[in-house]
Amino acid sequence: MANYCSNCGKQLPEGASVCPSCGARVAGSAGVQAAPVIVNIENNNTNSNVNAVPAVGRQKNKWVAFFLCLFLGFLGAHKFYEGKVGMGILYLFTGGLFAIGIIVDLITLLFKPTHYFVP
């Protein structure tokens, strides 16, 4: 009389304790006992951010710089606010880098965090 696997239904070889097709234990096989499974459900992990970068430079507000750029960008007011005097003078003499610099700075300022640091 042939034995069949209760898991996959395939015919088992004579005296098999494990199905060669699916690996399931054969019911009624004597001799080998399964090793106990130990499940660890404790979580003792401590989250710590060790790679935080310290803030370097002067803290500036994005909205102050944005509105200075919007209304006085051709004078370079937002660059002077950030402490970039050389760029402020360049914006002053070129009309905000011929308005292209103002547009780029407005878009850039929108994507900065509310409080950002200027080196």
PDB file of N, CA and C in Angstrom:
ATOM      1  N   MET A   1       0.846  -1.178   0.000  1.00  0.00           N
ATOM      2  CA  MET A   1       0.000   0.000   0.000  1.00  0.00           C
ATOM      3  C   MET A   1       0.894   1.246   0.000  1.00  0.00           C
ATOM      4  N   ALA A   2       0.627   2.173  -0.901  1.00  0.00           N
ATOM      5  CA  ALA A   2       1.452   3.373  -1.062  1.00  0.00           C
ATOM      6  C   ALA A   2       0.988   4.458  -0.109  1.00  0.00           C
ATOM      7  N   ASN A   3       1.964   5.208   0.394  1.00  0.00           N
ATOM      8  CA  ASN A   3       1.669   6.348   1.249  1.00  0.00           C
ATOM      9  C   ASN A   3       1.732   7.620   0.407  1.00  0.00           C
ATOM     10  N   TYR A   4       0.863   8.577   0.761  1.00  0.00           N
ATOM     11  CA  TYR A   4       0.826   9.851   0.062  1.00  0.00           C
ATOM     12  C   TYR A   4       1.022  10.984   1.074  1.00  0.00           C
ATOM     13  N   CYS A   5       1.649  12.046   0.616  1.00  0.00           N
ATOM     14  CA  CYS A   5       1.897  13.210   1.472  1.00  0.00           C
ATOM     15  C   CYS A   5       0.585  13.928   1.746  1.00  0.00           C
ATOM     16  N   SER A   6       0.366  14.259   3.024  1.00  0.00           N
ATOM     17  CA  SER A   6      -0.876  14.960   3.378  1.00  0.00           C
ATOM     18  C   SER A   6      -0.813  16.450   3.013  1.00  0.00           C
ATOM     19  N   ASN A   7       0.385  16.942   2.677  1.00  0.00           N
ATOM     20  CA  ASN A   7       0.554  18.355   2.355  1.00  0.00           C
ATOM     21  C   ASN A   7       0.431  18.612   0.852  1.00  0.00           C
ATOM     22  N   CYS A   8       1.201  17.835   0.042  1.00  0.00           N
ATOM     23  CA  CYS A   8       1.195  18.098  -1.402  1.00  0.00           C
ATOM     24  C   CYS A   8       0.494  16.998  -2.200  1.00  0.00           C
ATOM     25  N   GLY A   9       0.244  15.815  -1.600  1.00  0.00           N
ATOM     26  CA  GLY A   9      -0.489  14.751  -2.270  1.00  0.00           C
ATOM     27  C   GLY A   9       0.341  13.840  -3.139  1.00  0.00           C
ATOM     28  N   LYS A  10       1.649  14.013  -3.177  1.00  0.00           N
ATOM     29  CA  LYS A  10       2.500  13.166  -4.014  1.00  0.00           C
ATOM     30  C   LYS A  10       2.800  11.863  -3.280  1.00  0.00           C
ATOM     31  N   GLN A  11       3.105  10.834  -4.058  1.00  0.00           N
ATOM     32  CA  GLN A  11       3.406   9.526  -3.475  1.00  0.00           C
ATOM     33  C   GLN A  11       4.769   9.567  -2.793  1.00  0.00           C
ATOM     34  N   LEU A  12       4.820   8.955  -1.594  1.00  0.00           N
ATOM     35  CA  LEU A  12       6.034   8.944  -0.793  1.00  0.00           C
ATOM     36  C   LEU A  12       6.796   7.650  -1.004  1.00  0.00           C
ATOM     37  N   PRO A  13       8.126   7.702  -0.978  1.00  0.00           N
ATOM     38  CA  PRO A  13       8.897   6.460  -1.027  1.00  0.00           C
ATOM     39  C   PRO A  13       8.684   5.663   0.268  1.00  0.00           C
ATOM     40  N   GLU A  14       8.970   4.398   0.222  1.00  0.00           N
ATOM     41  CA  GLU A  14       8.771   3.509   1.369  1.00  0.00           C
ATOM     42  C   GLU A  14       9.680   3.922   2.523  1.00  0.00           C
ATOM     43  N   GLY A  15       9.109   4.099   3.725  1.00  0.00           N
ATOM     44  CA  GLY A  15       9.867   4.416   4.926  1.00  0.00           C
ATOM     45  C   GLY A  15      10.295   5.876   5.037  1.00  0.00           C
ATOM     46  N   ALA A  16       9.761   6.756   4.210  1.00  0.00           N
ATOM     47  CA  ALA A  16      10.147   8.165   4.254  1.00  0.00           C
ATOM     48  C   ALA A  16       9.507   8.853   5.456  1.00  0.00           C
ATOM     49  N   SER A  17      10.281   9.703   6.133  1.00  0.00           N
ATOM     50  CA  SER A  17       9.735  10.467   7.250  1.00  0.00           C
ATOM     51  C   SER A  17       9.475  11.923   6.850  1.00  0.00           C
ATOM     52  N   VAL A  18      10.039  12.329   5.706  1.00  0.00           N
ATOM     53  CA  VAL A  18       9.861  13.680   5.174  1.00  0.00           C
ATOM     54  C   VAL A  18       9.527  13.561   3.694  1.00  0.00           C
ATOM     55  N   CYS A  19       8.585  14.347   3.213  1.00  0.00           N
ATOM     56  CA  CYS A  19       8.216  14.329   1.795  1.00  0.00           C
ATOM     57  C   CYS A  19       9.350  14.933   0.978  1.00  0.00           C
ATOM     58  N   PRO A  20       9.888  14.245  -0.028  1.00  0.00           N
ATOM     59  CA  PRO A  20      10.972  14.799  -0.839  1.00  0.00           C
ATOM     60  C   PRO A  20      10.514  15.952  -1.733  1.00  0.00           C
ATOM     61  N   SER A  21       9.224  16.107  -1.970  1.00  0.00           N
ATOM     62  CA  SER A  21       8.729  17.173  -2.846  1.00  0.00           C
ATOM     63  C   SER A  21       8.541  18.495  -2.111  1.00  0.00           C
ATOM     64  N   CYS A  22       7.866  18.404  -0.959  1.00  0.00           N
ATOM     65  CA  CYS A  22       7.547  19.657  -0.268  1.00  0.00           C
ATOM     66  C   CYS A  22       8.263  19.813   1.061  1.00  0.00           C
ATOM     67  N   GLY A  23       8.871  18.761   1.581  1.00  0.00           N
ATOM     68  CA  GLY A  23       9.623  18.847   2.826  1.00  0.00           C
ATOM     69  C   GLY A  23       8.770  18.731   4.068  1.00  0.00           C
ATOM     70  N   ALA A  24       7.485  18.400   3.936  1.00  0.00           N
ATOM     71  CA  ALA A  24       6.602  18.285   5.099  1.00  0.00           C
ATOM     72  C   ALA A  24       6.835  16.948   5.790  1.00  0.00           C
ATOM     73  N   ARG A  25       6.649  16.910   7.107  1.00  0.00           N
ATOM     74  CA  ARG A  25       6.774  15.671   7.866  1.00  0.00           C
ATOM     75  C   ARG A  25       5.610  14.757   7.529  1.00  0.00           C
ATOM     76  N   VAL A  26       5.937  13.484   7.454  1.00  0.00           N
ATOM     77  CA  VAL A  26       4.916  12.488   7.139  1.00  0.00           C
ATOM     78  C   VAL A  26       4.244  12.082   8.439  1.00  0.00           C
ATOM     79  N   ALA A  27       2.924  12.024   8.421  1.00  0.00           N
ATOM     80  CA  ALA A  27       2.181  11.643   9.617  1.00  0.00           C
ATOM     81  C   ALA A  27       2.484  10.188   9.955  1.00  0.00           C
ATOM     82  N   GLY A  28       2.703   9.936  11.227  1.00  0.00           N
ATOM     83  CA  GLY A  28       2.949   8.573  11.674  1.00  0.00           C
ATOM     84  C   GLY A  28       4.388   8.144  11.549  1.00  0.00           C
ATOM     85  N   SER A  29       5.305   9.017  11.142  1.00  0.00           N
ATOM     86  CA  SER A  29       6.705   8.617  11.059  1.00  0.00           C
ATOM     87  C   SER A  29       7.287   8.645  12.455  1.00  0.00           C
ATOM     88  N   ALA A  30       7.953   7.602  12.813  1.00  0.00           N
ATOM     89  CA  ALA A  30       8.509   7.482  14.167  1.00  0.00           C
ATOM     90  C   ALA A  30      10.008   7.702  14.112  1.00  0.00           C
ATOM     91  N   GLY A  31      10.581   7.985  15.220  1.00  0.00           N
ATOM     92  CA  GLY A  31      12.025   8.087  15.300  1.00  0.00           C
ATOM     93  C   GLY A  31      12.510   9.510  15.448  1.00  0.00           C
ATOM     94  N   VAL A  32      12.462  10.315  14.438  1.00  0.00           N
ATOM     95  CA  VAL A  32      13.051  11.650  14.455  1.00  0.00           C
ATOM     96  C   VAL A  32      12.047  12.642  15.032  1.00  0.00           C
ATOM     97  N   GLN A  33      12.496  13.395  16.013  1.00  0.00           N
ATOM     98  CA  GLN A  33      11.648  14.444  16.576  1.00  0.00           C
ATOM     99  C   GLN A  33      12.160  15.797  16.108  1.00  0.00           C
ATOM    100  N   ALA A  34      11.241  16.698  15.931  1.00  0.00           N
ATOM    101  CA  ALA A  34      11.613  18.043  15.480  1.00  0.00           C
ATOM    102  C   ALA A  34      12.258  18.807  16.622  1.00  0.00           C
ATOM    103  N   ALA A  35      13.252  19.613  16.290  1.00  0.00           N
ATOM    104  CA  ALA A  35      13.891  20.458  17.284  1.00  0.00           C
ATOM    105  C   ALA A  35      12.923  21.549  17.699  1.00  0.00           C
ATOM    106  N   PRO A  36      12.919  21.932  18.975  1.00  0.00           N
ATOM    107  CA  PRO A  36      11.989  22.986  19.388  1.00  0.00           C
ATOM    108  C   PRO A  36      12.365  24.329  18.750  1.00  0.00           C
ATOM    109  N   VAL A  37      11.358  25.079  18.404  1.00  0.00           N
ATOM    110  CA  VAL A  37      11.552  26.388  17.788  1.00  0.00           C
ATOM    111  C   VAL A  37      11.470  27.439  18.888  1.00  0.00           C
ATOM    112  N   ILE A  38      12.514  28.272  18.977  1.00  0.00           N
ATOM    113  CA  ILE A  38      12.551  29.329  19.979  1.00  0.00           C
ATOM    114  C   ILE A  38      12.294  30.650  19.273  1.00  0.00           C
ATOM    115  N   VAL A  39      11.273  31.345  19.720  1.00  0.00           N
ATOM    116  CA  VAL A  39      10.903  32.616  19.121  1.00  0.00           C
ATOM    117  C   VAL A  39      11.188  33.719  20.130  1.00  0.00           C
ATOM    118  N   ASN A  40      12.028  34.653  19.736  1.00  0.00           N
ATOM    119  CA  ASN A  40      12.349  35.791  20.586  1.00  0.00           C
ATOM    120  C   ASN A  40      11.458  36.955  20.187  1.00  0.00           C
ATOM    121  N   ILE A  41      10.569  37.355  21.076  1.00  0.00           N
ATOM    122  CA  ILE A  41       9.641  38.436  20.752  1.00  0.00           C
ATOM    123  C   ILE A  41       9.978  39.717  21.507  1.00  0.00           C
ATOM    124  N   GLU A  42      11.148  39.760  22.123  1.00  0.00           N
ATOM    125  CA  GLU A  42      11.555  40.962  22.833  1.00  0.00           C
ATOM    126  C   GLU A  42      12.356  41.861  21.898  1.00  0.00           C
ATOM    127  N   ASN A  43      12.172  43.138  22.055  1.00  0.00           N
ATOM    128  CA  ASN A  43      12.946  44.102  21.282  1.00  0.00           C
ATOM    129  C   ASN A  43      13.664  45.003  22.265  1.00  0.00           C
ATOM    130  N   ASN A  44      14.946  44.792  22.397  1.00  0.00           N
ATOM    131  CA  ASN A  44      15.741  45.593  23.316  1.00  0.00           C
ATOM    132  C   ASN A  44      16.596  46.621  22.578  1.00  0.00           C
ATOM    133  N   ASN A  45      16.262  46.905  21.352  1.00  0.00           N
ATOM    134  CA  ASN A  45      17.032  47.862  20.572  1.00  0.00           C
ATOM    135  C   ASN A  45      16.792  49.279  21.073  1.00  0.00           C
ATOM    136  N   THR A  46      17.836  50.044  21.085  1.00  0.00           N
ATOM    137  CA  THR A  46      17.742  51.451  21.453  1.00  0.00           C
ATOM    138  C   THR A  46      18.125  52.274  20.235  1.00  0.00           C
ATOM    139  N   ASN A  47      17.208  53.106  19.783  1.00  0.00           N
ATOM    140  CA  ASN A  47      17.484  53.939  18.625  1.00  0.00           C
ATOM    141  C   ASN A  47      18.272  55.166  19.044  1.00  0.00           C
ATOM    142  N   SER A  48      19.375  55.385  18.370  1.00  0.00           N
ATOM    143  CA  SER A  48      20.166  56.579  18.645  1.00  0.00           C
ATOM    144  C   SER A  48      20.752  57.072  17.337  1.00  0.00           C
ATOM    145  N   ASN A  49      20.652  58.352  17.143  1.00  0.00           N
ATOM    146  CA  ASN A  49      21.164  58.958  15.924  1.00  0.00           C
ATOM    147  C   ASN A  49      22.590  59.416  16.193  1.00  0.00           C
ATOM    148  N   VAL A  50      23.543  58.628  15.719  1.00  0.00           N
ATOM    149  CA  VAL A  50      24.941  58.959  15.986  1.00  0.00           C
ATOM    150  C   VAL A  50      25.578  59.718  14.829  1.00  0.00           C
ATOM    151  N   ASN A  51      24.878  59.852  13.726  1.00  0.00           N
ATOM    152  CA  ASN A  51      25.463  60.529  12.578  1.00  0.00           C
ATOM    153  C   ASN A  51      24.854  61.908  12.352  1.00  0.00           C
ATOM    154  N   ALA A  52      24.344  62.518  13.387  1.00  0.00           N
ATOM    155  CA  ALA A  52      23.778  63.860  13.253  1.00  0.00           C
ATOM    156  C   ALA A  52      24.889  64.873  12.993  1.00  0.00           C
ATOM    157  N   VAL A  53      24.659  65.723  12.041  1.00  0.00           N
ATOM    158  CA  VAL A  53      25.652  66.736  11.684  1.00  0.00           C
ATOM    159  C   VAL A  53      25.368  67.985  12.501  1.00  0.00           C
ATOM    160  N   PRO A  54      26.335  68.478  13.233  1.00  0.00           N
ATOM    161  CA  PRO A  54      26.094  69.699  14.000  1.00  0.00           C
ATOM    162  C   PRO A  54      25.898  70.893  13.066  1.00  0.00           C
ATOM    163  N   ALA A  55      25.037  71.789  13.470  1.00  0.00           N
ATOM    164  CA  ALA A  55      24.758  72.966  12.656  1.00  0.00           C
ATOM    165  C   ALA A  55      25.969  73.888  12.650  1.00  0.00           C
ATOM    166  N   VAL A  56      26.377  74.271  11.458  1.00  0.00           N
ATOM    167  CA  VAL A  56      27.535  75.143  11.298  1.00  0.00           C
ATOM    168  C   VAL A  56      27.075  76.406  10.593  1.00  0.00           C
ATOM    169  N   GLY A  57      27.437  77.539  11.116  1.00  0.00           N
ATOM    170  CA  GLY A  57      27.110  78.800  10.462  1.00  0.00           C
ATOM    171  C   GLY A  57      26.036  79.562  11.211  1.00  0.00           C
ATOM    172  N   ARG A  58      25.498  80.559  10.526  1.00  0.00           N
ATOM    173  CA  ARG A  58      24.475  81.407  11.114  1.00  0.00           C
ATOM    174  C   ARG A  58      23.099  80.928  10.679  1.00  0.00           C
ATOM    175  N   GLN A  59      22.168  80.904  11.633  1.00  0.00           N
ATOM    176  CA  GLN A  59      20.817  80.460  11.329  1.00  0.00           C
ATOM    177  C   GLN A  59      20.033  81.605  10.684  1.00  0.00           C
ATOM    178  N   LYS A  60      19.366  81.297   9.570  1.00  0.00           N
ATOM    179  CA  LYS A  60      18.560  82.290   8.860  1.00  0.00           C
ATOM    180  C   LYS A  60      17.150  81.742   8.661  1.00  0.00           C
ATOM    181  N   ASN A  61      16.205  82.649   8.489  1.00  0.00           N
ATOM    182  CA  ASN A  61      14.817  82.270   8.265  1.00  0.00           C
ATOM    183  C   ASN A  61      14.532  82.298   6.768  1.00  0.00           C
ATOM    184  N   LYS A  62      13.947  81.222   6.283  1.00  0.00           N
ATOM    185  CA  LYS A  62      13.673  81.089   4.849  1.00  0.00           C
ATOM    186  C   LYS A  62      12.710  82.160   4.355  1.00  0.00           C
ATOM    187  N   TRP A  63      11.693  82.503   5.144  1.00  0.00           N
ATOM    188  CA  TRP A  63      10.674  83.435   4.666  1.00  0.00           C
ATOM    189  C   TRP A  63      11.190  84.872   4.616  1.00  0.00           C
ATOM    190  N   VAL A  64      12.057  85.226   5.523  1.00  0.00           N
ATOM    191  CA  VAL A  64      12.659  86.558   5.460  1.00  0.00           C
ATOM    192  C   VAL A  64      13.479  86.676   4.185  1.00  0.00           C
ATOM    193  N   ALA A  65      14.303  85.662   3.919  1.00  0.00           N
ATOM    194  CA  ALA A  65      15.127  85.683   2.705  1.00  0.00           C
ATOM    195  C   ALA A  65      14.261  85.643   1.447  1.00  0.00           C
ATOM    196  N   PHE A  66      13.165  84.876   1.488  1.00  0.00           N
ATOM    197  CA  PHE A  66      12.288  84.764   0.319  1.00  0.00           C
ATOM    198  C   PHE A  66      11.652  86.114  -0.029  1.00  0.00           C
ATOM    199  N   PHE A  67      11.110  86.808   0.977  1.00  0.00           N
ATOM    200  CA  PHE A  67      10.449  88.083   0.683  1.00  0.00           C
ATOM    201  C   PHE A  67      11.449  89.191   0.357  1.00  0.00           C
ATOM    202  N   LEU A  68      12.640  89.125   0.931  1.00  0.00           N
ATOM    203  CA  LEU A  68      13.684  90.067   0.518  1.00  0.00           C
ATOM    204  C   LEU A  68      14.047  89.829  -0.946  1.00  0.00           C
ATOM    205  N   CYS A  69      14.123  88.578  -1.335  1.00  0.00           N
ATOM    206  CA  CYS A  69      14.446  88.249  -2.733  1.00  0.00           C
ATOM    207  C   CYS A  69      13.315  88.668  -3.666  1.00  0.00           C
ATOM    208  N   LEU A  70      12.080  88.455  -3.216  1.00  0.00           N
ATOM    209  CA  LEU A  70      10.927  88.774  -4.056  1.00  0.00           C
ATOM    210  C   LEU A  70      10.808  90.278  -4.311  1.00  0.00           C
ATOM    211  N   PHE A  71      10.974  91.085  -3.268  1.00  0.00           N
ATOM    212  CA  PHE A  71      10.760  92.520  -3.418  1.00  0.00           C
ATOM    213  C   PHE A  71      12.034  93.324  -3.663  1.00  0.00           C
ATOM    214  N   LEU A  72      13.165  92.884  -3.124  1.00  0.00           N
ATOM    215  CA  LEU A  72      14.411  93.629  -3.274  1.00  0.00           C
ATOM    216  C   LEU A  72      15.529  92.763  -3.849  1.00  0.00           C
ATOM    217  N   GLY A  73      15.152  91.756  -4.597  1.00  0.00           N
ATOM    218  CA  GLY A  73      16.143  90.836  -5.157  1.00  0.00           C
ATOM    219  C   GLY A  73      17.076  91.508  -6.139  1.00  0.00           C
ATOM    220  N   PHE A  74      16.586  92.489  -6.882  1.00  0.00           N
ATOM    221  CA  PHE A  74      17.439  93.187  -7.855  1.00  0.00           C
ATOM    222  C   PHE A  74      18.533  93.998  -7.163  1.00  0.00           C
ATOM    223  N   LEU A  75      18.353  94.296  -5.863  1.00  0.00           N
ATOM    224  CA  LEU A  75      19.380  94.989  -5.087  1.00  0.00           C
ATOM    225  C   LEU A  75      20.277  94.011  -4.321  1.00  0.00           C
ATOM    226  N   GLY A  76      19.923  92.735  -4.348  1.00  0.00           N
ATOM    227  CA  GLY A  76      20.708  91.722  -3.653  1.00  0.00           C
ATOM    228  C   GLY A  76      20.473  91.694  -2.155  1.00  0.00           C
ATOM    229  N   ALA A  77      19.318  92.169  -1.695  1.00  0.00           N
ATOM    230  CA  ALA A  77      19.053  92.272  -0.253  1.00  0.00           C
ATOM    231  C   ALA A  77      19.083  90.911   0.432  1.00  0.00           C
ATOM    232  N   HIS A  78      18.577  89.876  -0.245  1.00  0.00           N
ATOM    233  CA  HIS A  78      18.567  88.546   0.372  1.00  0.00           C
ATOM    234  C   HIS A  78      19.982  87.987   0.508  1.00  0.00           C
ATOM    235  N   LYS A  79      20.870  88.358  -0.384  1.00  0.00           N
ATOM    236  CA  LYS A  79      22.264  87.914  -0.295  1.00  0.00           C
ATOM    237  C   LYS A  79      22.979  88.633   0.844  1.00  0.00           C
ATOM    238  N   PHE A  80      22.702  89.909   1.010  1.00  0.00           N
ATOM    239  CA  PHE A  80      23.269  90.640   2.146  1.00  0.00           C
ATOM    240  C   PHE A  80      22.735  90.069   3.464  1.00  0.00           C
ATOM    241  N   TYR A  81      21.444  89.691   3.499  1.00  0.00           N
ATOM    242  CA  TYR A  81      20.839  89.095   4.696  1.00  0.00           C
ATOM    243  C   TYR A  81      21.543  87.789   5.070  1.00  0.00           C
ATOM    244  N   GLU A  82      21.916  87.011   4.076  1.00  0.00           N
ATOM    245  CA  GLU A  82      22.599  85.745   4.333  1.00  0.00           C
ATOM    246  C   GLU A  82      24.072  85.940   4.672  1.00  0.00           C
ATOM    247  N   GLY A  83      24.558  87.149   4.530  1.00  0.00           N
ATOM    248  CA  GLY A  83      25.958  87.418   4.837  1.00  0.00           C
ATOM    249  C   GLY A  83      26.885  87.204   3.660  1.00  0.00           C
ATOM    250  N   LYS A  84      26.334  87.049   2.477  1.00  0.00           N
ATOM    251  CA  LYS A  84      27.134  86.859   1.264  1.00  0.00           C
ATOM    252  C   LYS A  84      27.291  88.224   0.578  1.00  0.00           C
ATOM    253  N   VAL A  85      28.213  88.989   1.088  1.00  0.00           N
ATOM    254  CA  VAL A  85      28.379  90.374   0.633  1.00  0.00           C
ATOM    255  C   VAL A  85      28.820  90.432  -0.820  1.00  0.00           C
ATOM    256  N   GLY A  86      29.740  89.567  -1.217  1.00  0.00           N
ATOM    257  CA  GLY A  86      30.221  89.570  -2.607  1.00  0.00           C
ATOM    258  C   GLY A  86      29.097  89.312  -3.599  1.00  0.00           C
ATOM    259  N   MET A  87      28.256  88.320  -3.301  1.00  0.00           N
ATOM    260  CA  MET A  87      27.127  88.042  -4.190  1.00  0.00           C
ATOM    261  C   MET A  87      26.106  89.180  -4.134  1.00  0.00           C
ATOM    262  N   GLY A  88      25.958  89.799  -2.968  1.00  0.00           N
ATOM    263  CA  GLY A  88      25.043  90.937  -2.845  1.00  0.00           C
ATOM    264  C   GLY A  88      25.465  92.092  -3.727  1.00  0.00           C
ATOM    265  N   ILE A  89      26.757  92.381  -3.756  1.00  0.00           N
ATOM    266  CA  ILE A  89      27.276  93.455  -4.611  1.00  0.00           C
ATOM    267  C   ILE A  89      27.099  93.094  -6.083  1.00  0.00           C
ATOM    268  N   LEU A  90      27.340  91.825  -6.423  1.00  0.00           N
ATOM    269  CA  LEU A  90      27.146  91.379  -7.809  1.00  0.00           C
ATOM    270  C   LEU A  90      25.683  91.536  -8.226  1.00  0.00           C
ATOM    271  N   TYR A  91      24.750  91.146  -7.359  1.00  0.00           N
ATOM    272  CA  TYR A  91      23.328  91.307  -7.655  1.00  0.00           C
ATOM    273  C   TYR A  91      22.974  92.792  -7.765  1.00  0.00           C
ATOM    274  N   LEU A  92      23.584  93.625  -6.938  1.00  0.00           N
ATOM    275  CA  LEU A  92      23.308  95.058  -6.945  1.00  0.00           C
ATOM    276  C   LEU A  92      23.695  95.686  -8.281  1.00  0.00           C
ATOM    277  N   PHE A  93      24.855  95.320  -8.818  1.00  0.00           N
ATOM    278  CA  PHE A  93      25.333  95.924 -10.070  1.00  0.00           C
ATOM    279  C   PHE A  93      24.764  95.279 -11.325  1.00  0.00           C
ATOM    280  N   THR A  94      24.225  94.063 -11.226  1.00  0.00           N
ATOM    281  CA  THR A  94      23.713  93.388 -12.426  1.00  0.00           C
ATOM    282  C   THR A  94      22.200  93.249 -12.416  1.00  0.00           C
ATOM    283  N   GLY A  95      21.535  93.875 -11.440  1.00  0.00           N
ATOM    284  CA  GLY A  95      20.070  93.774 -11.399  1.00  0.00           C
ATOM    285  C   GLY A  95      19.616  92.361 -11.103  1.00  0.00           C
ATOM    286  N   GLY A  96      20.231  91.737 -10.117  1.00  0.00           N
ATOM    287  CA  GLY A  96      19.848  90.369  -9.744  1.00  0.00           C
ATOM    288  C   GLY A  96      20.266  89.362 -10.780  1.00  0.00           C
ATOM    289  N   LEU A  97      21.495  89.536 -11.301  1.00  0.00           N
ATOM    290  CA  LEU A  97      22.018  88.689 -12.393  1.00  0.00           C
ATOM    291  C   LEU A  97      21.029  88.673 -13.554  1.00  0.00           C
ATOM    292  N   PHE A  98      20.576  89.881 -13.909  1.00  0.00           N
ATOM    293  CA  PHE A  98      19.641  90.097 -15.019  1.00  0.00           C
ATOM    294  C   PHE A  98      18.334  89.340 -14.808  1.00  0.00           C
ATOM    295  N   ALA A  99      17.870  89.303 -13.547  1.00  0.00           N
ATOM    296  CA  ALA A  99      16.607  88.700 -13.097  1.00  0.00           C
ATOM    297  C   ALA A  99      16.622  87.183 -13.126  1.00  0.00           C
ATOM    298  N   ILE A 100      17.580  86.575 -13.784  1.00  0.00           N
ATOM    299  CA  ILE A 100      17.645  85.107 -13.798  1.00  0.00           C
ATOM    300  C   ILE A 100      18.052  84.602 -12.416  1.00  0.00           C
ATOM    301  N   GLY A 101      18.992  85.267 -11.783  1.00  0.00           N
ATOM    302  CA  GLY A 101      19.429  84.888 -10.449  1.00  0.00           C
ATOM    303  C   GLY A 101      18.316  84.997  -9.426  1.00  0.00           C
ATOM    304  N   ILE A 102      17.467  85.974  -9.584  1.00  0.00           N
ATOM    305  CA  ILE A 102      16.345  86.157  -8.652  1.00  0.00           C
ATOM    306  C   ILE A 102      15.379  84.982  -8.762  1.00  0.00           C
ATOM    307  N   ILE A 103      15.061  84.588  -9.982  1.00  0.00           N
ATOM    308  CA  ILE A 103      14.134  83.469 -10.196  1.00  0.00           C
ATOM    309  C   ILE A 103      14.706  82.180  -9.618  1.00  0.00           C
ATOM    310  N   VAL A 104      15.983  81.939  -9.879  1.00  0.00           N
ATOM    311  CA  VAL A 104      16.636  80.734  -9.349  1.00  0.00           C
ATOM    312  C   VAL A 104      16.645  80.765  -7.825  1.00  0.00           C
ATOM    313  N   ASP A 105      16.950  81.910  -7.239  1.00  0.00           N
ATOM    314  CA  ASP A 105      16.995  82.021  -5.784  1.00  0.00           C
ATOM    315  C   ASP A 105      15.612  81.859  -5.156  1.00  0.00           C
ATOM    316  N   LEU A 106      14.572  82.386  -5.791  1.00  0.00           N
ATOM    317  CA  LEU A 106      13.217  82.216  -5.262  1.00  0.00           C
ATOM    318  C   LEU A 106      12.835  80.738  -5.205  1.00  0.00           C
ATOM    319  N   ILE A 107      13.139  80.012  -6.274  1.00  0.00           N
ATOM    320  CA  ILE A 107      12.826  78.578  -6.302  1.00  0.00           C
ATOM    321  C   ILE A 107      13.664  77.832  -5.272  1.00  0.00           C
ATOM    322  N   THR A 108      14.937  78.174  -5.169  1.00  0.00           N
ATOM    323  CA  THR A 108      15.819  77.513  -4.212  1.00  0.00           C
ATOM    324  C   THR A 108      15.374  77.778  -2.779  1.00  0.00           C
ATOM    325  N   LEU A 109      14.967  78.992  -2.486  1.00  0.00           N
ATOM    326  CA  LEU A 109      14.537  79.330  -1.134  1.00  0.00           C
ATOM    327  C   LEU A 109      13.249  78.608  -0.749  1.00  0.00           C
ATOM    328  N   LEU A 110      12.388  78.339  -1.700  1.00  0.00           N
ATOM    329  CA  LEU A 110      11.149  77.623  -1.392  1.00  0.00           C
ATOM    330  C   LEU A 110      11.415  76.203  -0.899  1.00  0.00           C
ATOM    331  N   PHE A 111      12.491  75.586  -1.353  1.00  0.00           N
ATOM    332  CA  PHE A 111      12.769  74.203  -0.986  1.00  0.00           C
ATOM    333  C   PHE A 111      13.704  74.074   0.212  1.00  0.00           C
ATOM    334  N   LYS A 112      14.083  75.193   0.815  1.00  0.00           N
ATOM    335  CA  LYS A 112      14.918  75.130   2.014  1.00  0.00           C
ATOM    336  C   LYS A 112      14.028  74.944   3.234  1.00  0.00           C
ATOM    337  N   PRO A 113      14.585  74.398   4.327  1.00  0.00           N
ATOM    338  CA  PRO A 113      13.797  74.322   5.569  1.00  0.00           C
ATOM    339  C   PRO A 113      13.554  75.725   6.128  1.00  0.00           C
ATOM    340  N   THR A 114      12.577  75.855   7.002  1.00  0.00           N
ATOM    341  CA  THR A 114      12.219  77.173   7.520  1.00  0.00           C
ATOM    342  C   THR A 114      13.392  77.863   8.193  1.00  0.00           C
ATOM    343  N   HIS A 115      14.156  77.126   8.951  1.00  0.00           N
ATOM    344  CA  HIS A 115      15.376  77.673   9.564  1.00  0.00           C
ATOM    345  C   HIS A 115      16.560  76.923   8.976  1.00  0.00           C
ATOM    346  N   TYR A 116      17.385  77.621   8.234  1.00  0.00           N
ATOM    347  CA  TYR A 116      18.546  76.992   7.613  1.00  0.00           C
ATOM    348  C   TYR A 116      19.800  77.717   8.050  1.00  0.00           C
ATOM    349  N   PHE A 117      20.925  77.058   7.831  1.00  0.00           N
ATOM    350  CA  PHE A 117      22.199  77.619   8.286  1.00  0.00           C
ATOM    351  C   PHE A 117      23.045  78.027   7.091  1.00  0.00           C
ATOM    352  N   VAL A 118      23.643  79.207   7.185  1.00  0.00           N
ATOM    353  CA  VAL A 118      24.509  79.733   6.134  1.00  0.00           C
ATOM    354  C   VAL A 118      25.927  79.731   6.668  1.00  0.00           C
ATOM    355  N   PRO A 119      26.848  79.047   5.969  1.00  0.00           N
ATOM    356  CA  PRO A 119      28.241  79.020   6.460  1.00  0.00           C
ATOM    357  C   PRO A 119      28.919  80.360   6.319  1.00  0.00           C
TER     358      PRO A 119
END
